[in-house]
Amino acid sequence: MLKLLAVIVMLIDHTAAFVLYLYKPATQPILFIGSYELSLYKIMRYIGRTAFPIFVFLLVEGFCHTHNKKKYGRNLLIFAMISEIPWNLLHSGNFFYDKQNVFFTLLLGYIGMVVIESYQDTKTVLCKIKQAVILFVLLLLSMLLKADYGIVGFGYVLLIYILRDNCILQAVLGICFLPSKWIGGAAFIPINLYNGKRGFIKGNIAKYLFYGFYPLHLICLYIIRRMIFGV
């Protein structure tokens, strides 16, 4: 259910961000809260802010439960590469764009978790220095690659991983660490309703469908925008 919720709110967010913003009535206020005005566009973007924390939480859960960490990391890399062309088309209208899709952010965060786990039983100063250097290099990579959410996204993965056994502190710091703060923080309501058990969606076909949804929905939104608005 968390996976389904994450892809649904991501689709809502991206529909608003890449298609609906061109439809002027959608950007006009439809709801007034005191002096604050809300449009359909803003409402959909606010809903979409909950997607990233849920995806990060699912990444951490996957890391902790996978039987093959190399294969998990390989899958993230493969779909990061597959998603590049749809990502570039949607953002720039051509095959080149200077920022990278969120799969790269998740991949770098995943490698960071591997590094933390690899050195967790070592207490020597040299090993701790090596760990810090590798994590710093990964942090620089997230900045140089201009991966979606950037340094904040990379750090967020590590934060959720380190605090995985303390759901209260994870939620509190997880909300504070988000650029959208309380808006994206609503994601911790369904996250903390998670019972720790594997859901009803099982098997490789379902797993790769969730991986594939990201590039597929990007290219669909690009085609829809081209058909309706010509851009």
C-alpha atoms as a PDB file:
ATOM      1  CA  MET A   1       0.000   0.000   0.000  1.00  0.00           C
ATOM      2  CA  LEU A   2       2.897   2.363   0.668  1.00  0.00           C
ATOM      3  CA  LYS A   3       4.224   1.663  -2.825  1.00  0.00           C
ATOM      4  CA  LEU A   4       0.815   2.312  -4.372  1.00  0.00           C
ATOM      5  CA  LEU A   5       0.405   5.501  -2.352  1.00  0.00           C
ATOM      6  CA  ALA A   6       3.874   6.720  -3.347  1.00  0.00           C
ATOM      7  CA  VAL A   7       3.333   6.261  -7.094  1.00  0.00           C
ATOM      8  CA  ILE A   8      -0.148   7.818  -6.937  1.00  0.00           C
ATOM      9  CA  VAL A   9       0.963  10.984  -5.134  1.00  0.00           C
ATOM     10  CA  MET A  10       4.046  11.204  -7.385  1.00  0.00           C
ATOM     11  CA  LEU A  11       1.785  11.053 -10.437  1.00  0.00           C
ATOM     12  CA  ILE A  12      -0.435  13.788  -8.962  1.00  0.00           C
ATOM     13  CA  ASP A  13       2.605  15.962  -8.281  1.00  0.00           C
ATOM     14  CA  HIS A  14       4.212  15.488 -11.684  1.00  0.00           C
ATOM     15  CA  THR A  15       0.929  15.982 -13.540  1.00  0.00           C
ATOM     16  CA  ALA A  16       0.633  19.387 -11.906  1.00  0.00           C
ATOM     17  CA  ALA A  17       4.320  20.274 -12.259  1.00  0.00           C
ATOM     18  CA  PHE A  18       4.737  19.363 -15.921  1.00  0.00           C
ATOM     19  CA  VAL A  19       1.286  19.593 -17.506  1.00  0.00           C
ATOM     20  CA  LEU A  20      -1.304  21.395 -15.397  1.00  0.00           C
ATOM     21  CA  TYR A  21       0.851  24.485 -14.849  1.00  0.00           C
ATOM     22  CA  LEU A  22       0.232  25.385 -18.501  1.00  0.00           C
ATOM     23  CA  TYR A  23      -3.534  25.303 -18.014  1.00  0.00           C
ATOM     24  CA  LYS A  24      -4.258  28.771 -16.620  1.00  0.00           C
ATOM     25  CA  PRO A  25      -7.556  28.001 -14.807  1.00  0.00           C
ATOM     26  CA  ALA A  26      -5.705  25.379 -12.736  1.00  0.00           C
ATOM     27  CA  THR A  27      -3.374  28.055 -11.372  1.00  0.00           C
ATOM     28  CA  GLN A  28      -6.193  30.364 -10.283  1.00  0.00           C
ATOM     29  CA  PRO A  29      -7.243  30.281  -6.588  1.00  0.00           C
ATOM     30  CA  ILE A  30     -10.183  28.014  -5.766  1.00  0.00           C
ATOM     31  CA  LEU A  31      -9.811  27.929  -1.987  1.00  0.00           C
ATOM     32  CA  PHE A  32      -9.169  30.750   0.471  1.00  0.00           C
ATOM     33  CA  ILE A  33      -7.843  30.166   3.993  1.00  0.00           C
ATOM     34  CA  GLY A  34      -7.660  33.596   5.557  1.00  0.00           C
ATOM     35  CA  SER A  35      -5.301  35.538   3.324  1.00  0.00           C
ATOM     36  CA  TYR A  36      -3.799  32.351   1.902  1.00  0.00           C
ATOM     37  CA  GLU A  37      -4.941  31.308  -1.560  1.00  0.00           C
ATOM     38  CA  LEU A  38      -4.907  27.759  -2.930  1.00  0.00           C
ATOM     39  CA  SER A  39      -5.254  26.719  -6.540  1.00  0.00           C
ATOM     40  CA  LEU A  40      -5.758  23.218  -7.907  1.00  0.00           C
ATOM     41  CA  TYR A  41      -2.139  23.351  -9.034  1.00  0.00           C
ATOM     42  CA  LYS A  42      -0.873  24.160  -5.517  1.00  0.00           C
ATOM     43  CA  ILE A  43      -3.063  21.510  -3.899  1.00  0.00           C
ATOM     44  CA  MET A  44      -1.718  18.827  -6.227  1.00  0.00           C
ATOM     45  CA  ARG A  45       1.879  19.945  -5.629  1.00  0.00           C
ATOM     46  CA  TYR A  46       1.348  19.862  -1.863  1.00  0.00           C
ATOM     47  CA  ILE A  47      -0.050  16.341  -2.079  1.00  0.00           C
ATOM     48  CA  GLY A  48       2.954  15.340  -4.173  1.00  0.00           C
ATOM     49  CA  ARG A  49       5.435  16.515  -1.547  1.00  0.00           C
ATOM     50  CA  THR A  50       4.698  13.326   0.407  1.00  0.00           C
ATOM     51  CA  ALA A  51       6.063  11.057  -2.342  1.00  0.00           C
ATOM     52  CA  PHE A  52       9.805  11.466  -1.731  1.00  0.00           C
ATOM     53  CA  PRO A  53       9.795  10.588   2.003  1.00  0.00           C
ATOM     54  CA  ILE A  54       7.756   7.454   1.271  1.00  0.00           C
ATOM     55  CA  PHE A  55      10.084   6.382  -1.536  1.00  0.00           C
ATOM     56  CA  VAL A  56      13.097   6.915   0.743  1.00  0.00           C
ATOM     57  CA  PHE A  57      11.459   4.886   3.509  1.00  0.00           C
ATOM     58  CA  LEU A  58      10.747   2.074   1.020  1.00  0.00           C
ATOM     59  CA  LEU A  59      14.361   2.227  -0.172  1.00  0.00           C
ATOM     60  CA  VAL A  60      15.602   1.810   3.399  1.00  0.00           C
ATOM     61  CA  GLU A  61      13.195  -1.078   4.017  1.00  0.00           C
ATOM     62  CA  GLY A  62      14.323  -2.709   0.788  1.00  0.00           C
ATOM     63  CA  PHE A  63      17.964  -2.314   1.775  1.00  0.00           C
ATOM     64  CA  CYS A  64      17.379  -3.869   5.193  1.00  0.00           C
ATOM     65  CA  HIS A  65      15.447  -6.861   3.828  1.00  0.00           C
ATOM     66  CA  THR A  66      17.023  -7.617   0.454  1.00  0.00           C
ATOM     67  CA  HIS A  67      18.912 -10.882   0.074  1.00  0.00           C
ATOM     68  CA  ASN A  68      21.112  -9.488  -2.680  1.00  0.00           C
ATOM     69  CA  LYS A  69      22.416  -5.973  -2.103  1.00  0.00           C
ATOM     70  CA  LYS A  70      24.466  -5.945  -5.317  1.00  0.00           C
ATOM     71  CA  LYS A  71      21.401  -6.802  -7.402  1.00  0.00           C
ATOM     72  CA  TYR A  72      19.351  -4.142  -5.625  1.00  0.00           C
ATOM     73  CA  GLY A  73      21.976  -1.512  -6.378  1.00  0.00           C
ATOM     74  CA  ARG A  74      22.287  -2.729  -9.957  1.00  0.00           C
ATOM     75  CA  ASN A  75      18.525  -2.352 -10.481  1.00  0.00           C
ATOM     76  CA  LEU A  76      18.652   1.217  -9.202  1.00  0.00           C
ATOM     77  CA  LEU A  77      21.466   2.014 -11.630  1.00  0.00           C
ATOM     78  CA  ILE A  78      19.689   0.386 -14.590  1.00  0.00           C
ATOM     79  CA  PHE A  79      16.453   2.289 -14.020  1.00  0.00           C
ATOM     80  CA  ALA A  80      18.356   5.504 -13.363  1.00  0.00           C
ATOM     81  CA  MET A  81      19.817   5.155 -16.865  1.00  0.00           C
ATOM     82  CA  ILE A  82      16.475   4.122 -18.415  1.00  0.00           C
ATOM     83  CA  SER A  83      14.745   7.121 -16.830  1.00  0.00           C
ATOM     84  CA  GLU A  84      17.223   9.688 -18.153  1.00  0.00           C
ATOM     85  CA  ILE A  85      15.700  10.204 -21.601  1.00  0.00           C
ATOM     86  CA  PRO A  86      12.083  10.584 -20.329  1.00  0.00           C
ATOM     87  CA  TRP A  87      13.394  12.850 -17.542  1.00  0.00           C
ATOM     88  CA  ASN A  88      15.354  15.015 -19.986  1.00  0.00           C
ATOM     89  CA  LEU A  89      12.485  15.259 -22.467  1.00  0.00           C
ATOM     90  CA  LEU A  90      10.027  16.294 -19.788  1.00  0.00           C
ATOM     91  CA  HIS A  91      12.310  18.969 -18.335  1.00  0.00           C
ATOM     92  CA  SER A  92      13.996  20.417 -21.407  1.00  0.00           C
ATOM     93  CA  GLY A  93      12.057  19.136 -24.423  1.00  0.00           C
ATOM     94  CA  ASN A  94      15.183  17.450 -25.807  1.00  0.00           C
ATOM     95  CA  PHE A  95      17.568  14.622 -24.946  1.00  0.00           C
ATOM     96  CA  PHE A  96      19.857  16.737 -22.773  1.00  0.00           C
ATOM     97  CA  TYR A  97      19.273  18.263 -19.351  1.00  0.00           C
ATOM     98  CA  ASP A  98      21.889  19.208 -16.765  1.00  0.00           C
ATOM     99  CA  LYS A  99      20.101  17.632 -13.788  1.00  0.00           C
ATOM    100  CA  GLN A 100      19.644  13.910 -13.115  1.00  0.00           C
ATOM    101  CA  ASN A 101      16.531  11.972 -12.138  1.00  0.00           C
ATOM    102  CA  VAL A 102      15.688  10.832  -8.608  1.00  0.00           C
ATOM    103  CA  PHE A 103      16.900   7.274  -9.206  1.00  0.00           C
ATOM    104  CA  PHE A 104      20.452   8.660  -9.064  1.00  0.00           C
ATOM    105  CA  THR A 105      19.663  10.235  -5.698  1.00  0.00           C
ATOM    106  CA  LEU A 106      18.306   6.931  -4.406  1.00  0.00           C
ATOM    107  CA  LEU A 107      21.298   5.047  -5.834  1.00  0.00           C
ATOM    108  CA  LEU A 108      23.815   7.330  -4.130  1.00  0.00           C
ATOM    109  CA  GLY A 109      21.848   7.054  -0.894  1.00  0.00           C
ATOM    110  CA  TYR A 110      21.825   3.277  -1.281  1.00  0.00           C
ATOM    111  CA  ILE A 111      25.600   3.200  -1.704  1.00  0.00           C
ATOM    112  CA  GLY A 112      25.839   5.412   1.381  1.00  0.00           C
ATOM    113  CA  MET A 113      23.846   2.862   3.391  1.00  0.00           C
ATOM    114  CA  VAL A 114      26.169   0.110   2.163  1.00  0.00           C
ATOM    115  CA  VAL A 115      29.156   2.147   3.370  1.00  0.00           C
ATOM    116  CA  ILE A 116      27.599   2.765   6.794  1.00  0.00           C
ATOM    117  CA  GLU A 117      26.709  -0.916   7.194  1.00  0.00           C
ATOM    118  CA  SER A 118      30.165  -2.054   6.041  1.00  0.00           C
ATOM    119  CA  TYR A 119      31.929  -0.018   8.714  1.00  0.00           C
ATOM    120  CA  GLN A 120      29.417  -0.299  11.556  1.00  0.00           C
ATOM    121  CA  ASP A 121      31.421  -2.953  13.458  1.00  0.00           C
ATOM    122  CA  THR A 122      34.782  -1.247  13.027  1.00  0.00           C
ATOM    123  CA  LYS A 123      36.048   1.023  15.774  1.00  0.00           C
ATOM    124  CA  THR A 124      39.487   2.016  14.522  1.00  0.00           C
ATOM    125  CA  VAL A 125      40.082   5.653  13.731  1.00  0.00           C
ATOM    126  CA  LEU A 126      41.426   4.813  10.256  1.00  0.00           C
ATOM    127  CA  CYS A 127      38.259   2.934   9.301  1.00  0.00           C
ATOM    128  CA  LYS A 128      36.071   5.771  10.543  1.00  0.00           C
ATOM    129  CA  ILE A 129      38.099   8.230   8.484  1.00  0.00           C
ATOM    130  CA  LYS A 130      37.695   6.004   5.393  1.00  0.00           C
ATOM    131  CA  GLN A 131      33.953   5.844   5.984  1.00  0.00           C
ATOM    132  CA  ALA A 132      33.700   9.616   6.352  1.00  0.00           C
ATOM    133  CA  VAL A 133      35.767  10.207   3.194  1.00  0.00           C
ATOM    134  CA  ILE A 134      33.628   7.824   1.091  1.00  0.00           C
ATOM    135  CA  LEU A 135      30.400   9.402   2.346  1.00  0.00           C
ATOM    136  CA  PHE A 136      31.794  12.858   1.598  1.00  0.00           C
ATOM    137  CA  VAL A 137      32.678  11.772  -1.947  1.00  0.00           C
ATOM    138  CA  LEU A 138      29.130  10.458  -2.419  1.00  0.00           C
ATOM    139  CA  LEU A 139      27.813  13.775  -1.126  1.00  0.00           C
ATOM    140  CA  LEU A 140      29.951  15.617  -3.666  1.00  0.00           C
ATOM    141  CA  LEU A 141      28.715  13.300  -6.421  1.00  0.00           C
ATOM    142  CA  SER A 142      25.113  14.111  -5.572  1.00  0.00           C
ATOM    143  CA  MET A 143      25.984  17.783  -5.962  1.00  0.00           C
ATOM    144  CA  LEU A 144      28.088  17.428  -9.132  1.00  0.00           C
ATOM    145  CA  LEU A 145      25.549  15.175 -10.848  1.00  0.00           C
ATOM    146  CA  LYS A 146      22.788  17.591  -9.825  1.00  0.00           C
ATOM    147  CA  ALA A 147      20.662  14.599  -8.878  1.00  0.00           C
ATOM    148  CA  ASP A 148      17.050  15.384  -7.995  1.00  0.00           C
ATOM    149  CA  TYR A 149      16.848  16.748  -4.405  1.00  0.00           C
ATOM    150  CA  GLY A 150      20.664  17.059  -4.486  1.00  0.00           C
ATOM    151  CA  ILE A 151      22.645  16.984  -1.260  1.00  0.00           C
ATOM    152  CA  VAL A 152      19.450  17.171   0.770  1.00  0.00           C
ATOM    153  CA  GLY A 153      18.102  14.049  -0.924  1.00  0.00           C
ATOM    154  CA  PHE A 154      21.305  12.086  -0.295  1.00  0.00           C
ATOM    155  CA  GLY A 155      21.441  13.172   3.356  1.00  0.00           C
ATOM    156  CA  TYR A 156      17.760  12.383   3.767  1.00  0.00           C
ATOM    157  CA  VAL A 157      18.281   8.741   2.782  1.00  0.00           C
ATOM    158  CA  LEU A 158      21.052   8.378   5.366  1.00  0.00           C
ATOM    159  CA  LEU A 159      18.955  10.113   8.039  1.00  0.00           C
ATOM    160  CA  ILE A 160      15.986   7.779   7.549  1.00  0.00           C
ATOM    161  CA  TYR A 161      18.335   4.775   7.555  1.00  0.00           C
ATOM    162  CA  ILE A 162      20.225   5.759  10.707  1.00  0.00           C
ATOM    163  CA  LEU A 163      16.960   6.468  12.581  1.00  0.00           C
ATOM    164  CA  ARG A 164      15.134   3.370  11.279  1.00  0.00           C
ATOM    165  CA  ASP A 165      14.756   1.924  14.790  1.00  0.00           C
ATOM    166  CA  ASN A 166      13.344   5.110  16.312  1.00  0.00           C
ATOM    167  CA  CYS A 167      10.145   5.967  14.449  1.00  0.00           C
ATOM    168  CA  ILE A 168       9.359   9.053  16.564  1.00  0.00           C
ATOM    169  CA  LEU A 169      12.757  10.686  16.122  1.00  0.00           C
ATOM    170  CA  GLN A 170      12.767   9.580  12.493  1.00  0.00           C
ATOM    171  CA  ALA A 171       9.472  11.377  11.896  1.00  0.00           C
ATOM    172  CA  VAL A 172      10.438  14.543  13.806  1.00  0.00           C
ATOM    173  CA  LEU A 173      13.850  14.978  12.176  1.00  0.00           C
ATOM    174  CA  GLY A 174      12.517  13.675   8.877  1.00  0.00           C
ATOM    175  CA  ILE A 175       9.964  16.490   8.799  1.00  0.00           C
ATOM    176  CA  CYS A 176      12.511  19.141   9.835  1.00  0.00           C
ATOM    177  CA  PHE A 177      14.992  17.971   7.205  1.00  0.00           C
ATOM    178  CA  LEU A 178      12.530  18.228   4.314  1.00  0.00           C
ATOM    179  CA  PRO A 179      12.531  21.410   2.192  1.00  0.00           C
ATOM    180  CA  SER A 180       8.710  21.336   2.271  1.00  0.00           C
ATOM    181  CA  LYS A 181       8.690  20.740   6.069  1.00  0.00           C
ATOM    182  CA  TRP A 182       5.175  19.952   7.375  1.00  0.00           C
ATOM    183  CA  ILE A 183       3.691  19.490   3.896  1.00  0.00           C
ATOM    184  CA  GLY A 184       5.958  16.592   3.005  1.00  0.00           C
ATOM    185  CA  GLY A 185       5.902  15.536   6.641  1.00  0.00           C
ATOM    186  CA  ALA A 186       2.378  14.222   6.190  1.00  0.00           C
ATOM    187  CA  ALA A 187       4.089  11.200   4.610  1.00  0.00           C
ATOM    188  CA  PHE A 188       5.024   9.977   8.073  1.00  0.00           C
ATOM    189  CA  ILE A 189       1.381   9.231   8.870  1.00  0.00           C
ATOM    190  CA  PRO A 190       1.152   6.279   6.452  1.00  0.00           C
ATOM    191  CA  ILE A 191       4.819   5.417   7.092  1.00  0.00           C
ATOM    192  CA  ASN A 192       4.149   4.948  10.803  1.00  0.00           C
ATOM    193  CA  LEU A 193       1.057   2.868  10.055  1.00  0.00           C
ATOM    194  CA  TYR A 194       3.366   0.357   8.332  1.00  0.00           C
ATOM    195  CA  ASN A 195       3.217  -2.955  10.210  1.00  0.00           C
ATOM    196  CA  GLY A 196       6.678  -4.143   9.204  1.00  0.00           C
ATOM    197  CA  LYS A 197       5.365  -6.978   7.058  1.00  0.00           C
ATOM    198  CA  ARG A 198       5.640  -7.597   3.350  1.00  0.00           C
ATOM    199  CA  GLY A 199       2.580  -6.429   1.440  1.00  0.00           C
ATOM    200  CA  PHE A 200       0.286  -8.181  -0.988  1.00  0.00           C
ATOM    201  CA  ILE A 201       2.312  -7.224  -4.062  1.00  0.00           C
ATOM    202  CA  LYS A 202       4.934  -9.919  -4.585  1.00  0.00           C
ATOM    203  CA  GLY A 203       7.070 -11.394  -7.340  1.00  0.00           C
ATOM    204  CA  ASN A 204       9.532  -9.992  -9.861  1.00  0.00           C
ATOM    205  CA  ILE A 205       6.867  -8.823 -12.311  1.00  0.00           C
ATOM    206  CA  ALA A 206       5.198  -6.572  -9.733  1.00  0.00           C
ATOM    207  CA  LYS A 207       8.581  -5.378  -8.459  1.00  0.00           C
ATOM    208  CA  TYR A 208       9.780  -4.290 -11.900  1.00  0.00           C
ATOM    209  CA  LEU A 209       6.413  -2.712 -12.683  1.00  0.00           C
ATOM    210  CA  PHE A 210       7.014  -0.328  -9.789  1.00  0.00           C
ATOM    211  CA  TYR A 211      10.530   0.387 -11.035  1.00  0.00           C
ATOM    212  CA  GLY A 212       9.209   0.934 -14.556  1.00  0.00           C
ATOM    213  CA  PHE A 213       6.360   3.200 -13.505  1.00  0.00           C
ATOM    214  CA  TYR A 214       8.764   6.100 -13.001  1.00  0.00           C
ATOM    215  CA  PRO A 215      10.170   6.373 -16.562  1.00  0.00           C
ATOM    216  CA  LEU A 216       6.825   5.305 -18.059  1.00  0.00           C
ATOM    217  CA  HIS A 217       4.800   8.049 -16.384  1.00  0.00           C
ATOM    218  CA  LEU A 218       7.446  10.640 -17.297  1.00  0.00           C
ATOM    219  CA  ILE A 219       7.292   9.827 -20.999  1.00  0.00           C
ATOM    220  CA  CYS A 220       3.474   9.685 -20.902  1.00  0.00           C
ATOM    221  CA  LEU A 221       3.284  13.140 -19.338  1.00  0.00           C
ATOM    222  CA  TYR A 222       5.686  14.471 -21.969  1.00  0.00           C
ATOM    223  CA  ILE A 223       3.544  13.056 -24.790  1.00  0.00           C
ATOM    224  CA  ILE A 224       0.337  14.414 -23.233  1.00  0.00           C
ATOM    225  CA  ARG A 225       1.873  17.879 -22.835  1.00  0.00           C
ATOM    226  CA  ARG A 226       3.097  17.854 -26.439  1.00  0.00           C
ATOM    227  CA  MET A 227      -0.335  16.796 -27.710  1.00  0.00           C
ATOM    228  CA  ILE A 228      -2.276  19.389 -25.704  1.00  0.00           C
ATOM    229  CA  PHE A 229       0.109  22.352 -25.426  1.00  0.00           C
ATOM    230  CA  GLY A 230       2.689  21.627 -28.125  1.00  0.00           C
ATOM    231  CA  VAL A 231       5.684  22.028 -25.800  1.00  0.00           C
END
